[in-house]
Amino acid sequence: MLSPRALRNCAPSAPRAGASVRPLNFTVRRSATAMINSRDNPVQWASLVQELADASEHLEGLINKLQFDASYDEDRLRIDLGHVMAHLNRAWASRNLTRKLTDQEWESFRDYPKDLPPIA
């Protein structure tokens, strides 16, 4: 079930308390800027795909560690999961960027995005 906070960027509007949280005509509002694509922005597209591939690779490694390393602890999970999240967050933040990331953007784009509410 989606929380009202998760729906604030969704149409038609966030439900009132006690109302159904998923309207029948549920849609996510699109950004005013179009997402990059492989044809018009091949370099930036490759970077976006690479961020997602890196996240996938690191998530697979994290899962393997959880399954097979009895000494794996919360501190290591925090580091490994934070690393995966940084890749996912950078992918989301750079989806509309038509130029190379600056060093400052590289750092700030790893933070959890304010415009991507959790859905599940």
PDB file of N, CA and C in Angstrom:
ATOM      1  N   MET A   1       0.838  -1.168   0.000  1.00  0.00           N
ATOM      2  CA  MET A   1       0.000   0.000   0.000  1.00  0.00           C
ATOM      3  C   MET A   1       0.887   1.237   0.000  1.00  0.00           C
ATOM      4  N   LEU A   2       0.555   2.214  -0.824  1.00  0.00           N
ATOM      5  CA  LEU A   2       1.332   3.437  -0.913  1.00  0.00           C
ATOM      6  C   LEU A   2       0.909   4.423   0.164  1.00  0.00           C
ATOM      7  N   SER A   3       1.873   5.080   0.724  1.00  0.00           N
ATOM      8  CA  SER A   3       1.561   6.086   1.732  1.00  0.00           C
ATOM      9  C   SER A   3       1.170   7.382   1.037  1.00  0.00           C
ATOM     10  N   PRO A   4       0.398   8.238   1.701  1.00  0.00           N
ATOM     11  CA  PRO A   4       0.058   9.527   1.093  1.00  0.00           C
ATOM     12  C   PRO A   4       1.298  10.334   0.705  1.00  0.00           C
ATOM     13  N   ARG A   5       2.371  10.224   1.503  1.00  0.00           N
ATOM     14  CA  ARG A   5       3.596  10.957   1.174  1.00  0.00           C
ATOM     15  C   ARG A   5       4.190  10.463  -0.143  1.00  0.00           C
ATOM     16  N   ALA A   6       4.140   9.160  -0.395  1.00  0.00           N
ATOM     17  CA  ALA A   6       4.677   8.594  -1.631  1.00  0.00           C
ATOM     18  C   ALA A   6       3.887   9.052  -2.839  1.00  0.00           C
ATOM     19  N   LEU A   7       2.659   9.454  -2.620  1.00  0.00           N
ATOM     20  CA  LEU A   7       1.803   9.856  -3.733  1.00  0.00           C
ATOM     21  C   LEU A   7       1.829  11.347  -4.032  1.00  0.00           C
ATOM     22  N   ARG A   8       2.601  12.119  -3.313  1.00  0.00           N
ATOM     23  CA  ARG A   8       2.523  13.565  -3.496  1.00  0.00           C
ATOM     24  C   ARG A   8       2.950  14.009  -4.893  1.00  0.00           C
ATOM     25  N   ASN A   9       3.771  13.246  -5.607  1.00  0.00           N
ATOM     26  CA  ASN A   9       4.153  13.578  -6.976  1.00  0.00           C
ATOM     27  C   ASN A   9       3.336  12.799  -7.997  1.00  0.00           C
ATOM     28  N   CYS A  10       2.201  12.283  -7.567  1.00  0.00           N
ATOM     29  CA  CYS A  10       1.367  11.468  -8.437  1.00  0.00           C
ATOM     30  C   CYS A  10       0.046  12.172  -8.687  1.00  0.00           C
ATOM     31  N   ALA A  11      -0.574  11.847  -9.792  1.00  0.00           N
ATOM     32  CA  ALA A  11      -1.871  12.421 -10.114  1.00  0.00           C
ATOM     33  C   ALA A  11      -2.939  11.425  -9.698  1.00  0.00           C
ATOM     34  N   PRO A  12      -4.145  11.824  -9.381  1.00  0.00           N
ATOM     35  CA  PRO A  12      -4.582  13.197  -9.393  1.00  0.00           C
ATOM     36  C   PRO A  12      -4.089  14.001  -8.205  1.00  0.00           C
ATOM     37  N   SER A  13      -4.096  13.457  -7.012  1.00  0.00           N
ATOM     38  CA  SER A  13      -3.527  14.119  -5.842  1.00  0.00           C
ATOM     39  C   SER A  13      -3.433  13.097  -4.727  1.00  0.00           C
ATOM     40  N   ALA A  14      -2.691  13.458  -3.706  1.00  0.00           N
ATOM     41  CA  ALA A  14      -2.562  12.551  -2.563  1.00  0.00           C
ATOM     42  C   ALA A  14      -3.922  12.394  -1.904  1.00  0.00           C
ATOM     43  N   PRO A  15      -4.263  11.202  -1.462  1.00  0.00           N
ATOM     44  CA  PRO A  15      -5.582  10.964  -0.864  1.00  0.00           C
ATOM     45  C   PRO A  15      -5.693  11.560   0.534  1.00  0.00           C
ATOM     46  N   ARG A  16      -6.919  11.777   0.961  1.00  0.00           N
ATOM     47  CA  ARG A  16      -7.161  12.228   2.325  1.00  0.00           C
ATOM     48  C   ARG A  16      -6.942  11.056   3.272  1.00  0.00           C
ATOM     49  N   ALA A  17      -6.743  11.362   4.512  1.00  0.00           N
ATOM     50  CA  ALA A  17      -6.556  10.319   5.523  1.00  0.00           C
ATOM     51  C   ALA A  17      -7.776   9.400   5.523  1.00  0.00           C
ATOM     52  N   GLY A  18      -7.539   8.104   5.526  1.00  0.00           N
ATOM     53  CA  GLY A  18      -8.614   7.127   5.545  1.00  0.00           C
ATOM     54  C   GLY A  18      -9.152   6.763   4.175  1.00  0.00           C
ATOM     55  N   ALA A  19      -8.775   7.507   3.138  1.00  0.00           N
ATOM     56  CA  ALA A  19      -9.248   7.210   1.784  1.00  0.00           C
ATOM     57  C   ALA A  19      -8.345   6.161   1.148  1.00  0.00           C
ATOM     58  N   SER A  20      -8.816   5.592   0.070  1.00  0.00           N
ATOM     59  CA  SER A  20      -8.000   4.641  -0.684  1.00  0.00           C
ATOM     60  C   SER A  20      -6.747   5.355  -1.148  1.00  0.00           C
ATOM     61  N   VAL A  21      -5.577   4.722  -0.987  1.00  0.00           N
ATOM     62  CA  VAL A  21      -4.333   5.390  -1.345  1.00  0.00           C
ATOM     63  C   VAL A  21      -3.926   5.175  -2.795  1.00  0.00           C
ATOM     64  N   ARG A  22      -4.644   4.352  -3.546  1.00  0.00           N
ATOM     65  CA  ARG A  22      -4.273   4.138  -4.933  1.00  0.00           C
ATOM     66  C   ARG A  22      -5.487   4.335  -5.829  1.00  0.00           C
ATOM     67  N   PRO A  23      -5.664   5.564  -6.356  1.00  0.00           N
ATOM     68  CA  PRO A  23      -6.815   5.813  -7.206  1.00  0.00           C
ATOM     69  C   PRO A  23      -6.746   4.962  -8.475  1.00  0.00           C
ATOM     70  N   LEU A  24      -7.898   4.716  -9.071  1.00  0.00           N
ATOM     71  CA  LEU A  24      -7.955   3.893 -10.274  1.00  0.00           C
ATOM     72  C   LEU A  24      -7.179   4.499 -11.430  1.00  0.00           C
ATOM     73  N   ASN A  25      -7.114   5.802 -11.505  1.00  0.00           N
ATOM     74  CA  ASN A  25      -6.403   6.458 -12.599  1.00  0.00           C
ATOM     75  C   ASN A  25      -5.009   6.906 -12.169  1.00  0.00           C
ATOM     76  N   PHE A  26      -4.342   6.094 -11.387  1.00  0.00           N
ATOM     77  CA  PHE A  26      -3.026   6.383 -10.839  1.00  0.00           C
ATOM     78  C   PHE A  26      -1.998   6.545 -11.944  1.00  0.00           C
ATOM     79  N   THR A  27      -1.340   7.688 -11.977  1.00  0.00           N
ATOM     80  CA  THR A  27      -0.235   7.915 -12.913  1.00  0.00           C
ATOM     81  C   THR A  27       0.837   8.720 -12.203  1.00  0.00           C
ATOM     82  N   VAL A  28       2.069   8.548 -12.613  1.00  0.00           N
ATOM     83  CA  VAL A  28       3.169   9.315 -12.056  1.00  0.00           C
ATOM     84  C   VAL A  28       3.383  10.529 -12.934  1.00  0.00           C
ATOM     85  N   ARG A  29       3.500  11.687 -12.318  1.00  0.00           N
ATOM     86  CA  ARG A  29       3.751  12.910 -13.090  1.00  0.00           C
ATOM     87  C   ARG A  29       5.130  12.865 -13.696  1.00  0.00           C
ATOM     88  N   ARG A  30       5.204  13.254 -14.914  1.00  0.00           N
ATOM     89  CA  ARG A  30       6.468  13.258 -15.627  1.00  0.00           C
ATOM     90  C   ARG A  30       7.203  14.571 -15.400  1.00  0.00           C
ATOM     91  N   SER A  31       8.513  14.497 -15.481  1.00  0.00           N
ATOM     92  CA  SER A  31       9.348  15.675 -15.347  1.00  0.00           C
ATOM     93  C   SER A  31       9.164  16.555 -16.576  1.00  0.00           C
ATOM     94  N   ALA A  32       9.373  17.851 -16.428  1.00  0.00           N
ATOM     95  CA  ALA A  32       9.242  18.774 -17.550  1.00  0.00           C
ATOM     96  C   ALA A  32      10.334  18.546 -18.593  1.00  0.00           C
ATOM     97  N   THR A  33      11.452  17.985 -18.176  1.00  0.00           N
ATOM     98  CA  THR A  33      12.564  17.709 -19.070  1.00  0.00           C
ATOM     99  C   THR A  33      12.517  16.256 -19.505  1.00  0.00           C
ATOM    100  N   ALA A  34      12.668  16.031 -20.804  1.00  0.00           N
ATOM    101  CA  ALA A  34      12.628  14.659 -21.320  1.00  0.00           C
ATOM    102  C   ALA A  34      13.877  13.892 -20.905  1.00  0.00           C
ATOM    103  N   MET A  35      13.695  12.604 -20.658  1.00  0.00           N
ATOM    104  CA  MET A  35      14.818  11.746 -20.323  1.00  0.00           C
ATOM    105  C   MET A  35      15.718  11.592 -21.548  1.00  0.00           C
ATOM    106  N   ILE A  36      17.017  11.487 -21.303  1.00  0.00           N
ATOM    107  CA  ILE A  36      17.964  11.270 -22.391  1.00  0.00           C
ATOM    108  C   ILE A  36      17.683   9.931 -23.057  1.00  0.00           C
ATOM    109  N   ASN A  37      18.228   9.758 -24.265  1.00  0.00           N
ATOM    110  CA  ASN A  37      18.075   8.488 -24.966  1.00  0.00           C
ATOM    111  C   ASN A  37      19.376   8.151 -25.683  1.00  0.00           C
ATOM    112  N   SER A  38      19.481   6.918 -26.121  1.00  0.00           N
ATOM    113  CA  SER A  38      20.732   6.435 -26.715  1.00  0.00           C
ATOM    114  C   SER A  38      21.029   7.080 -28.064  1.00  0.00           C
ATOM    115  N   ARG A  39      20.018   7.520 -28.768  1.00  0.00           N
ATOM    116  CA  ARG A  39      20.231   8.119 -30.089  1.00  0.00           C
ATOM    117  C   ARG A  39      20.750   9.562 -29.986  1.00  0.00           C
ATOM    118  N   ASP A  40      20.090  10.375 -29.155  1.00  0.00           N
ATOM    119  CA  ASP A  40      20.440  11.794 -29.068  1.00  0.00           C
ATOM    120  C   ASP A  40      21.582  12.078 -28.104  1.00  0.00           C
ATOM    121  N   ASN A  41      21.773  11.239 -27.129  1.00  0.00           N
ATOM    122  CA  ASN A  41      22.788  11.455 -26.086  1.00  0.00           C
ATOM    123  C   ASN A  41      23.538  10.162 -25.803  1.00  0.00           C
ATOM    124  N   PRO A  42      24.277   9.630 -26.771  1.00  0.00           N
ATOM    125  CA  PRO A  42      24.893   8.302 -26.599  1.00  0.00           C
ATOM    126  C   PRO A  42      25.896   8.225 -25.455  1.00  0.00           C
ATOM    127  N   VAL A  43      26.666   9.266 -25.219  1.00  0.00           N
ATOM    128  CA  VAL A  43      27.666   9.224 -24.146  1.00  0.00           C
ATOM    129  C   VAL A  43      26.986   9.244 -22.785  1.00  0.00           C
ATOM    130  N   GLN A  44      26.039  10.152 -22.601  1.00  0.00           N
ATOM    131  CA  GLN A  44      25.324  10.243 -21.332  1.00  0.00           C
ATOM    132  C   GLN A  44      24.476   8.994 -21.102  1.00  0.00           C
ATOM    133  N   TRP A  45      23.905   8.450 -22.179  1.00  0.00           N
ATOM    134  CA  TRP A  45      23.118   7.229 -22.067  1.00  0.00           C
ATOM    135  C   TRP A  45      24.000   6.073 -21.589  1.00  0.00           C
ATOM    136  N   ALA A  46      25.187   5.974 -22.160  1.00  0.00           N
ATOM    137  CA  ALA A  46      26.119   4.919 -21.755  1.00  0.00           C
ATOM    138  C   ALA A  46      26.488   5.071 -20.279  1.00  0.00           C
ATOM    139  N   SER A  47      26.657   6.302 -19.818  1.00  0.00           N
ATOM    140  CA  SER A  47      26.961   6.533 -18.397  1.00  0.00           C
ATOM    141  C   SER A  47      25.795   6.117 -17.515  1.00  0.00           C
ATOM    142  N   LEU A  48      24.575   6.432 -17.924  1.00  0.00           N
ATOM    143  CA  LEU A  48      23.380   6.050 -17.177  1.00  0.00           C
ATOM    144  C   LEU A  48      23.280   4.527 -17.082  1.00  0.00           C
ATOM    145  N   VAL A  49      23.446   3.864 -18.212  1.00  0.00           N
ATOM    146  CA  VAL A  49      23.382   2.396 -18.229  1.00  0.00           C
ATOM    147  C   VAL A  49      24.505   1.809 -17.384  1.00  0.00           C
ATOM    148  N   GLN A  50      25.691   2.394 -17.428  1.00  0.00           N
ATOM    149  CA  GLN A  50      26.809   1.892 -16.637  1.00  0.00           C
ATOM    150  C   GLN A  50      26.538   2.024 -15.143  1.00  0.00           C
ATOM    151  N   GLU A  51      25.914   3.126 -14.723  1.00  0.00           N
ATOM    152  CA  GLU A  51      25.557   3.276 -13.300  1.00  0.00           C
ATOM    153  C   GLU A  51      24.625   2.146 -12.872  1.00  0.00           C
ATOM    154  N   LEU A  52      23.646   1.824 -13.711  1.00  0.00           N
ATOM    155  CA  LEU A  52      22.711   0.756 -13.379  1.00  0.00           C
ATOM    156  C   LEU A  52      23.388  -0.612 -13.391  1.00  0.00           C
ATOM    157  N   ALA A  53      24.292  -0.823 -14.348  1.00  0.00           N
ATOM    158  CA  ALA A  53      25.038  -2.084 -14.399  1.00  0.00           C
ATOM    159  C   ALA A  53      25.936  -2.230 -13.173  1.00  0.00           C
ATOM    160  N   ASP A  54      26.587  -1.140 -12.770  1.00  0.00           N
ATOM    161  CA  ASP A  54      27.414  -1.178 -11.564  1.00  0.00           C
ATOM    162  C   ASP A  54      26.567  -1.484 -10.326  1.00  0.00           C
ATOM    163  N   ALA A  55      25.385  -0.857 -10.240  1.00  0.00           N
ATOM    164  CA  ALA A  55      24.495  -1.127  -9.106  1.00  0.00           C
ATOM    165  C   ALA A  55      24.106  -2.595  -9.086  1.00  0.00           C
ATOM    166  N   SER A  56      23.786  -3.132 -10.240  1.00  0.00           N
ATOM    167  CA  SER A  56      23.404  -4.542 -10.333  1.00  0.00           C
ATOM    168  C   SER A  56      24.549  -5.458  -9.899  1.00  0.00           C
ATOM    169  N   GLU A  57      25.737  -5.170 -10.371  1.00  0.00           N
ATOM    170  CA  GLU A  57      26.916  -5.974 -10.022  1.00  0.00           C
ATOM    171  C   GLU A  57      27.175  -5.952  -8.516  1.00  0.00           C
ATOM    172  N   HIS A  58      27.121  -4.756  -7.939  1.00  0.00           N
ATOM    173  CA  HIS A  58      27.394  -4.634  -6.507  1.00  0.00           C
ATOM    174  C   HIS A  58      26.272  -5.242  -5.665  1.00  0.00           C
ATOM    175  N   LEU A  59      25.030  -5.131  -6.132  1.00  0.00           N
ATOM    176  CA  LEU A  59      23.919  -5.749  -5.406  1.00  0.00           C
ATOM    177  C   LEU A  59      24.042  -7.273  -5.432  1.00  0.00           C
ATOM    178  N   GLU A  60      24.436  -7.813  -6.567  1.00  0.00           N
ATOM    179  CA  GLU A  60      24.651  -9.263  -6.649  1.00  0.00           C
ATOM    180  C   GLU A  60      25.752  -9.701  -5.685  1.00  0.00           C
ATOM    181  N   GLY A  61      26.827  -8.929  -5.616  1.00  0.00           N
ATOM    182  CA  GLY A  61      27.900  -9.242  -4.670  1.00  0.00           C
ATOM    183  C   GLY A  61      27.432  -9.163  -3.231  1.00  0.00           C
ATOM    184  N   LEU A  62      26.628  -8.153  -2.920  1.00  0.00           N
ATOM    185  CA  LEU A  62      26.086  -8.006  -1.567  1.00  0.00           C
ATOM    186  C   LEU A  62      25.223  -9.212  -1.217  1.00  0.00           C
ATOM    187  N   ILE A  63      24.373  -9.639  -2.126  1.00  0.00           N
ATOM    188  CA  ILE A  63      23.511 -10.801  -1.871  1.00  0.00           C
ATOM    189  C   ILE A  63      24.348 -12.050  -1.640  1.00  0.00           C
ATOM    190  N   ASN A  64      25.380 -12.231  -2.434  1.00  0.00           N
ATOM    191  CA  ASN A  64      26.267 -13.391  -2.240  1.00  0.00           C
ATOM    192  C   ASN A  64      26.935 -13.369  -0.873  1.00  0.00           C
ATOM    193  N   LYS A  65      27.387 -12.188  -0.459  1.00  0.00           N
ATOM    194  CA  LYS A  65      28.010 -12.074   0.865  1.00  0.00           C
ATOM    195  C   LYS A  65      27.014 -12.435   1.962  1.00  0.00           C
ATOM    196  N   LEU A  66      25.772 -11.931   1.834  1.00  0.00           N
ATOM    197  CA  LEU A  66      24.750 -12.239   2.830  1.00  0.00           C
ATOM    198  C   LEU A  66      24.467 -13.737   2.905  1.00  0.00           C
ATOM    199  N   GLN A  67      24.486 -14.393   1.757  1.00  0.00           N
ATOM    200  CA  GLN A  67      24.157 -15.816   1.720  1.00  0.00           C
ATOM    201  C   GLN A  67      25.301 -16.702   2.212  1.00  0.00           C
ATOM    202  N   PHE A  68      26.537 -16.303   1.938  1.00  0.00           N
ATOM    203  CA  PHE A  68      27.640 -17.236   2.142  1.00  0.00           C
ATOM    204  C   PHE A  68      28.703 -16.800   3.148  1.00  0.00           C
ATOM    205  N   ASP A  69      28.595 -15.592   3.690  1.00  0.00           N
ATOM    206  CA  ASP A  69      29.594 -15.113   4.637  1.00  0.00           C
ATOM    207  C   ASP A  69      28.934 -14.937   6.005  1.00  0.00           C
ATOM    208  N   ALA A  70      29.143 -15.889   6.866  1.00  0.00           N
ATOM    209  CA  ALA A  70      28.515 -15.863   8.193  1.00  0.00           C
ATOM    210  C   ALA A  70      28.968 -14.679   9.038  1.00  0.00           C
ATOM    211  N   SER A  71      30.114 -14.098   8.713  1.00  0.00           N
ATOM    212  CA  SER A  71      30.614 -12.971   9.495  1.00  0.00           C
ATOM    213  C   SER A  71      30.125 -11.614   8.965  1.00  0.00           C
ATOM    214  N   TYR A  72      29.332 -11.632   7.916  1.00  0.00           N
ATOM    215  CA  TYR A  72      28.819 -10.382   7.336  1.00  0.00           C
ATOM    216  C   TYR A  72      27.937  -9.698   8.373  1.00  0.00           C
ATOM    217  N   ASP A  73      28.215  -8.413   8.646  1.00  0.00           N
ATOM    218  CA  ASP A  73      27.497  -7.730   9.712  1.00  0.00           C
ATOM    219  C   ASP A  73      26.850  -6.440   9.210  1.00  0.00           C
ATOM    220  N   GLU A  74      26.185  -5.748  10.126  1.00  0.00           N
ATOM    221  CA  GLU A  74      25.448  -4.531   9.772  1.00  0.00           C
ATOM    222  C   GLU A  74      26.366  -3.431   9.234  1.00  0.00           C
ATOM    223  N   ASP A  75      27.559  -3.311   9.771  1.00  0.00           N
ATOM    224  CA  ASP A  75      28.482  -2.283   9.286  1.00  0.00           C
ATOM    225  C   ASP A  75      28.833  -2.515   7.819  1.00  0.00           C
ATOM    226  N   ARG A  76      29.090  -3.769   7.459  1.00  0.00           N
ATOM    227  CA  ARG A  76      29.407  -4.077   6.059  1.00  0.00           C
ATOM    228  C   ARG A  76      28.178  -3.889   5.177  1.00  0.00           C
ATOM    229  N   LEU A  77      26.999  -4.251   5.687  1.00  0.00           N
ATOM    230  CA  LEU A  77      25.760  -4.042   4.934  1.00  0.00           C
ATOM    231  C   LEU A  77      25.543  -2.554   4.658  1.00  0.00           C
ATOM    232  N   ARG A  78      25.780  -1.721   5.668  1.00  0.00           N
ATOM    233  CA  ARG A  78      25.611  -0.274   5.519  1.00  0.00           C
ATOM    234  C   ARG A  78      26.499   0.253   4.398  1.00  0.00           C
ATOM    235  N   ILE A  79      27.739  -0.172   4.373  1.00  0.00           N
ATOM    236  CA  ILE A  79      28.686   0.273   3.344  1.00  0.00           C
ATOM    237  C   ILE A  79      28.275  -0.258   1.968  1.00  0.00           C
ATOM    238  N   ASP A  80      28.014  -1.552   1.879  1.00  0.00           N
ATOM    239  CA  ASP A  80      27.692  -2.158   0.588  1.00  0.00           C
ATOM    240  C   ASP A  80      26.368  -1.649   0.026  1.00  0.00           C
ATOM    241  N   LEU A  81      25.353  -1.550   0.865  1.00  0.00           N
ATOM    242  CA  LEU A  81      24.057  -1.065   0.405  1.00  0.00           C
ATOM    243  C   LEU A  81      24.131   0.424   0.057  1.00  0.00           C
ATOM    244  N   GLY A  82      24.893   1.182   0.829  1.00  0.00           N
ATOM    245  CA  GLY A  82      25.100   2.596   0.501  1.00  0.00           C
ATOM    246  C   GLY A  82      25.767   2.766  -0.849  1.00  0.00           C
ATOM    247  N   HIS A  83      26.692   1.868  -1.176  1.00  0.00           N
ATOM    248  CA  HIS A  83      27.377   1.914  -2.471  1.00  0.00           C
ATOM    249  C   HIS A  83      26.396   1.625  -3.614  1.00  0.00           C
ATOM    250  N   VAL A  84      25.557   0.605  -3.432  1.00  0.00           N
ATOM    251  CA  VAL A  84      24.543   0.285  -4.444  1.00  0.00           C
ATOM    252  C   VAL A  84      23.599   1.468  -4.626  1.00  0.00           C
ATOM    253  N   MET A  85      23.141   2.028  -3.516  1.00  0.00           N
ATOM    254  CA  MET A  85      22.209   3.165  -3.579  1.00  0.00           C
ATOM    255  C   MET A  85      22.831   4.370  -4.274  1.00  0.00           C
ATOM    256  N   ALA A  86      24.122   4.611  -4.054  1.00  0.00           N
ATOM    257  CA  ALA A  86      24.788   5.736  -4.716  1.00  0.00           C
ATOM    258  C   ALA A  86      24.714   5.576  -6.232  1.00  0.00           C
ATOM    259  N   HIS A  87      24.952   4.353  -6.735  1.00  0.00           N
ATOM    260  CA  HIS A  87      24.847   4.118  -8.182  1.00  0.00           C
ATOM    261  C   HIS A  87      23.419   4.345  -8.675  1.00  0.00           C
ATOM    262  N   LEU A  88      22.431   3.819  -7.963  1.00  0.00           N
ATOM    263  CA  LEU A  88      21.037   3.994  -8.367  1.00  0.00           C
ATOM    264  C   LEU A  88      20.630   5.466  -8.326  1.00  0.00           C
ATOM    265  N   ASN A  89      21.039   6.152  -7.279  1.00  0.00           N
ATOM    266  CA  ASN A  89      20.697   7.564  -7.143  1.00  0.00           C
ATOM    267  C   ASN A  89      21.335   8.402  -8.245  1.00  0.00           C
ATOM    268  N   ARG A  90      22.596   8.106  -8.588  1.00  0.00           N
ATOM    269  CA  ARG A  90      23.264   8.832  -9.674  1.00  0.00           C
ATOM    270  C   ARG A  90      22.575   8.567 -11.010  1.00  0.00           C
ATOM    271  N   ALA A  91      22.128   7.337 -11.219  1.00  0.00           N
ATOM    272  CA  ALA A  91      21.407   7.013 -12.454  1.00  0.00           C
ATOM    273  C   ALA A  91      20.138   7.857 -12.553  1.00  0.00           C
ATOM    274  N   TRP A  92      19.390   7.927 -11.476  1.00  0.00           N
ATOM    275  CA  TRP A  92      18.153   8.703 -11.480  1.00  0.00           C
ATOM    276  C   TRP A  92      18.447  10.199 -11.686  1.00  0.00           C
ATOM    277  N   ALA A  93      19.406  10.716 -10.955  1.00  0.00           N
ATOM    278  CA  ALA A  93      19.700  12.149 -11.017  1.00  0.00           C
ATOM    279  C   ALA A  93      20.247  12.576 -12.366  1.00  0.00           C
ATOM    280  N   SER A  94      20.888  11.666 -13.097  1.00  0.00           N
ATOM    281  CA  SER A  94      21.494  12.039 -14.382  1.00  0.00           C
ATOM    282  C   SER A  94      20.625  11.678 -15.581  1.00  0.00           C
ATOM    283  N   ARG A  95      19.399  11.222 -15.365  1.00  0.00           N
ATOM    284  CA  ARG A  95      18.544  10.755 -16.452  1.00  0.00           C
ATOM    285  C   ARG A  95      18.191  11.832 -17.468  1.00  0.00           C
ATOM    286  N   ASN A  96      18.280  13.095 -17.088  1.00  0.00           N
ATOM    287  CA  ASN A  96      17.949  14.205 -17.990  1.00  0.00           C
ATOM    288  C   ASN A  96      19.176  15.029 -18.379  1.00  0.00           C
ATOM    289  N   LEU A  97      20.343  14.645 -17.914  1.00  0.00           N
ATOM    290  CA  LEU A  97      21.557  15.435 -18.109  1.00  0.00           C
ATOM    291  C   LEU A  97      22.138  15.193 -19.504  1.00  0.00           C
ATOM    292  N   THR A  98      22.275  16.246 -20.285  1.00  0.00           N
ATOM    293  CA  THR A  98      22.760  16.107 -21.666  1.00  0.00           C
ATOM    294  C   THR A  98      24.233  16.481 -21.812  1.00  0.00           C
ATOM    295  N   ARG A  99      24.930  16.550 -20.709  1.00  0.00           N
ATOM    296  CA  ARG A  99      26.362  16.864 -20.715  1.00  0.00           C
ATOM    297  C   ARG A  99      27.044  16.009 -19.656  1.00  0.00           C
ATOM    298  N   LYS A 100      28.353  16.092 -19.623  1.00  0.00           N
ATOM    299  CA  LYS A 100      29.123  15.332 -18.634  1.00  0.00           C
ATOM    300  C   LYS A 100      28.841  15.863 -17.228  1.00  0.00           C
ATOM    301  N   LEU A 101      28.812  14.949 -16.257  1.00  0.00           N
ATOM    302  CA  LEU A 101      28.646  15.339 -14.856  1.00  0.00           C
ATOM    303  C   LEU A 101      29.844  16.141 -14.375  1.00  0.00           C
ATOM    304  N   THR A 102      29.588  17.171 -13.588  1.00  0.00           N
ATOM    305  CA  THR A 102      30.685  17.883 -12.935  1.00  0.00           C
ATOM    306  C   THR A 102      31.098  17.076 -11.701  1.00  0.00           C
ATOM    307  N   ASP A 103      32.247  17.394 -11.133  1.00  0.00           N
ATOM    308  CA  ASP A 103      32.686  16.714  -9.905  1.00  0.00           C
ATOM    309  C   ASP A 103      31.689  16.945  -8.774  1.00  0.00           C
ATOM    310  N   GLN A 104      31.167  18.163  -8.693  1.00  0.00           N
ATOM    311  CA  GLN A 104      30.195  18.483  -7.640  1.00  0.00           C
ATOM    312  C   GLN A 104      28.909  17.672  -7.840  1.00  0.00           C
ATOM    313  N   GLU A 105      28.446  17.539  -9.086  1.00  0.00           N
ATOM    314  CA  GLU A 105      27.250  16.741  -9.362  1.00  0.00           C
ATOM    315  C   GLU A 105      27.495  15.267  -9.047  1.00  0.00           C
ATOM    316  N   TRP A 106      28.682  14.779  -9.369  1.00  0.00           N
ATOM    317  CA  TRP A 106      29.017  13.381  -9.087  1.00  0.00           C
ATOM    318  C   TRP A 106      28.798  13.083  -7.606  1.00  0.00           C
ATOM    319  N   GLU A 107      29.229  14.011  -6.753  1.00  0.00           N
ATOM    320  CA  GLU A 107      29.060  13.844  -5.310  1.00  0.00           C
ATOM    321  C   GLU A 107      27.607  14.018  -4.889  1.00  0.00           C
ATOM    322  N   SER A 108      26.951  15.079  -5.343  1.00  0.00           N
ATOM    323  CA  SER A 108      25.587  15.361  -4.882  1.00  0.00           C
ATOM    324  C   SER A 108      24.558  14.399  -5.461  1.00  0.00           C
ATOM    325  N   PHE A 109      24.802  13.849  -6.645  1.00  0.00           N
ATOM    326  CA  PHE A 109      23.848  12.943  -7.275  1.00  0.00           C
ATOM    327  C   PHE A 109      23.787  11.590  -6.582  1.00  0.00           C
ATOM    328  N   ARG A 110      24.720  11.295  -5.696  1.00  0.00           N
ATOM    329  CA  ARG A 110      24.658  10.005  -5.000  1.00  0.00           C
ATOM    330  C   ARG A 110      23.649  10.033  -3.852  1.00  0.00           C
ATOM    331  N   ASP A 111      23.234  11.223  -3.432  1.00  0.00           N
ATOM    332  CA  ASP A 111      22.251  11.351  -2.353  1.00  0.00           C
ATOM    333  C   ASP A 111      20.878  10.877  -2.826  1.00  0.00           C
ATOM    334  N   TYR A 112      20.058  10.394  -1.877  1.00  0.00           N
ATOM    335  CA  TYR A 112      18.737   9.914  -2.254  1.00  0.00           C
ATOM    336  C   TYR A 112      17.929  11.055  -2.844  1.00  0.00           C
ATOM    337  N   PRO A 113      17.310  10.835  -4.007  1.00  0.00           N
ATOM    338  CA  PRO A 113      16.580  11.915  -4.680  1.00  0.00           C
ATOM    339  C   PRO A 113      15.307  12.319  -3.949  1.00  0.00           C
ATOM    340  N   LYS A 114      15.019  13.601  -4.003  1.00  0.00           N
ATOM    341  CA  LYS A 114      13.807  14.125  -3.378  1.00  0.00           C
ATOM    342  C   LYS A 114      12.605  13.963  -4.304  1.00  0.00           C
ATOM    343  N   ASP A 115      12.852  13.707  -5.586  1.00  0.00           N
ATOM    344  CA  ASP A 115      11.758  13.595  -6.561  1.00  0.00           C
ATOM    345  C   ASP A 115      11.470  12.157  -6.981  1.00  0.00           C
ATOM    346  N   LEU A 116      11.853  11.202  -6.138  1.00  0.00           N
ATOM    347  CA  LEU A 116      11.590   9.788  -6.418  1.00  0.00           C
ATOM    348  C   LEU A 116      11.044   9.120  -5.165  1.00  0.00           C
ATOM    349  N   PRO A 117       9.720   9.226  -4.956  1.00  0.00           N
ATOM    350  CA  PRO A 117       9.158   8.619  -3.750  1.00  0.00           C
ATOM    351  C   PRO A 117       9.179   7.098  -3.841  1.00  0.00           C
ATOM    352  N   PRO A 118       9.413   6.424  -2.729  1.00  0.00           N
ATOM    353  CA  PRO A 118       9.352   4.968  -2.729  1.00  0.00           C
ATOM    354  C   PRO A 118       7.935   4.510  -3.087  1.00  0.00           C
ATOM    355  N   ILE A 119       7.829   3.481  -3.896  1.00  0.00           N
ATOM    356  CA  ILE A 119       6.527   2.979  -4.327  1.00  0.00           C
ATOM    357  C   ILE A 119       6.124   1.727  -3.550  1.00  0.00           C
ATOM    358  N   ALA A 120       7.075   0.893  -3.230  1.00  0.00           N
ATOM    359  CA  ALA A 120       6.719  -0.344  -2.516  1.00  0.00           C
ATOM    360  C   ALA A 120       7.468  -0.448  -1.213  1.00  0.00           C
TER     361      ALA A 120
END
